[in-house]
Protein backbone atom coordinates (compact mmCIF):
# COMPACT_ATOMS: atom_id res chain seq x y z
CA UNK A 1 1.53 6.75 11.74
CA UNK A 2 2.64 5.70 8.21
CA UNK A 3 0.78 7.52 5.51
CA UNK A 4 -0.53 5.33 2.54
CA UNK A 5 -1.22 7.11 -0.66
CA UNK A 6 -3.58 5.58 -3.09
CA UNK A 7 -3.42 5.53 -6.95
CA UNK A 8 -6.35 6.74 -8.61
CA UNK A 9 -7.15 2.99 -8.93
CA UNK A 10 -7.04 2.26 -5.27
CA UNK A 11 -9.01 5.21 -4.55
CA UNK A 12 -11.97 3.65 -5.97
CA UNK A 13 -11.73 1.12 -3.11
CA UNK A 14 -11.20 3.35 -0.44
CA UNK A 15 -12.28 6.74 -1.10
CA UNK A 16 -9.47 8.55 -0.16
CA UNK A 17 -6.15 9.84 -1.29
CA UNK A 18 -4.22 8.92 1.30
CA UNK A 19 -4.94 7.35 5.03
CA UNK A 20 -2.73 7.33 8.42
CA UNK A 21 -2.38 3.34 9.26
CA UNK A 22 -0.47 2.41 12.68
CA UNK A 23 1.47 -0.75 11.61
CA UNK A 24 5.25 -1.94 12.49
CA UNK A 25 5.47 -3.30 9.16
CA UNK A 26 4.23 -3.70 5.51
CA UNK A 27 2.42 -6.99 6.29
CA UNK A 28 0.70 -5.44 9.24
CA UNK A 29 0.05 -2.33 7.07
CA UNK A 30 -1.73 -4.28 4.37
CA UNK A 31 -3.71 -6.24 6.81
CA UNK A 32 -5.10 -3.57 8.17
CA UNK A 33 -5.78 -1.75 5.08
CA UNK A 34 -7.63 -4.80 3.65
CA UNK A 35 -9.62 -4.96 7.07
CA UNK A 36 -10.71 -1.23 6.60
CA UNK A 37 -11.46 -1.58 2.56
CA UNK A 38 -12.15 -5.26 2.08
CA UNK A 39 -12.83 -4.62 -1.86
CA UNK A 40 -9.05 -3.44 -1.94
CA UNK A 41 -7.98 -6.75 -0.74
CA UNK A 42 -9.18 -8.12 -4.18
CA UNK A 43 -7.66 -5.58 -5.85
CA UNK A 44 -4.33 -6.07 -4.61
CA UNK A 45 -4.46 -9.69 -5.12
CA UNK A 46 -5.57 -9.26 -8.69
CA UNK A 47 -2.26 -7.16 -9.08
CA UNK A 48 0.17 -9.37 -6.99
CA UNK A 49 3.04 -7.70 -8.76
CA UNK A 50 2.10 -4.23 -6.48
CA UNK A 51 5.68 -3.15 -5.46
CA UNK A 52 5.94 -1.14 -2.47
CA UNK A 53 7.57 2.21 -2.31
CA UNK A 54 8.58 3.50 1.21
CA UNK A 55 9.89 6.90 1.80
CA UNK A 56 10.63 7.12 -2.27
CA UNK A 57 12.64 3.94 -2.45
CA UNK A 58 10.84 0.71 -3.96
CA UNK A 59 11.38 -2.26 -1.73
CA UNK A 60 12.11 -5.58 -3.29
CA UNK A 61 10.48 -7.86 -0.82
CA UNK A 62 8.69 -5.60 1.44
CA UNK A 63 6.39 -7.47 3.73
CA UNK A 64 8.73 -7.41 6.66
CA UNK A 65 9.58 -3.97 5.71
CA UNK A 66 9.83 -1.94 9.38
CA UNK A 67 7.54 1.30 9.23
CA UNK A 68 8.30 4.55 11.24
CA UNK A 69 5.45 6.97 12.04
CA UNK A 70 6.98 9.22 9.56
CA UNK A 71 6.84 6.65 6.99
CA UNK A 72 5.36 7.61 3.39
CA UNK A 73 4.19 4.34 1.65
CA UNK A 74 2.98 4.13 -2.16
CA UNK A 75 1.28 0.72 -3.30
CA UNK A 76 2.44 0.88 -6.90
CA UNK A 77 0.95 -0.84 -9.75
CA UNK A 78 3.42 -2.20 -12.74
CA UNK A 79 2.97 -0.06 -16.03
CA UNK A 80 1.76 -1.61 -18.86
CA UNK A 81 3.08 -0.98 -22.30
CA UNK A 82 4.73 -1.89 -25.27
């Protein structure tokens, strides 16, 4: 199962630092995450520019990116600043 690591903001919705999810690709992973944690869906929609990193690599168009049993997934919020 892929392991999803949550940011501090995301942990407010999940109550967890990480969770293992059985998913073939990122689209399925996101669907399962939002089923488990409905309030996370609104968080992801509000931050539609959330990037996905798989095994330490940012993926530009991640929704169909395949996941393996050993995949480490981070949902990365954009940094604000100036």
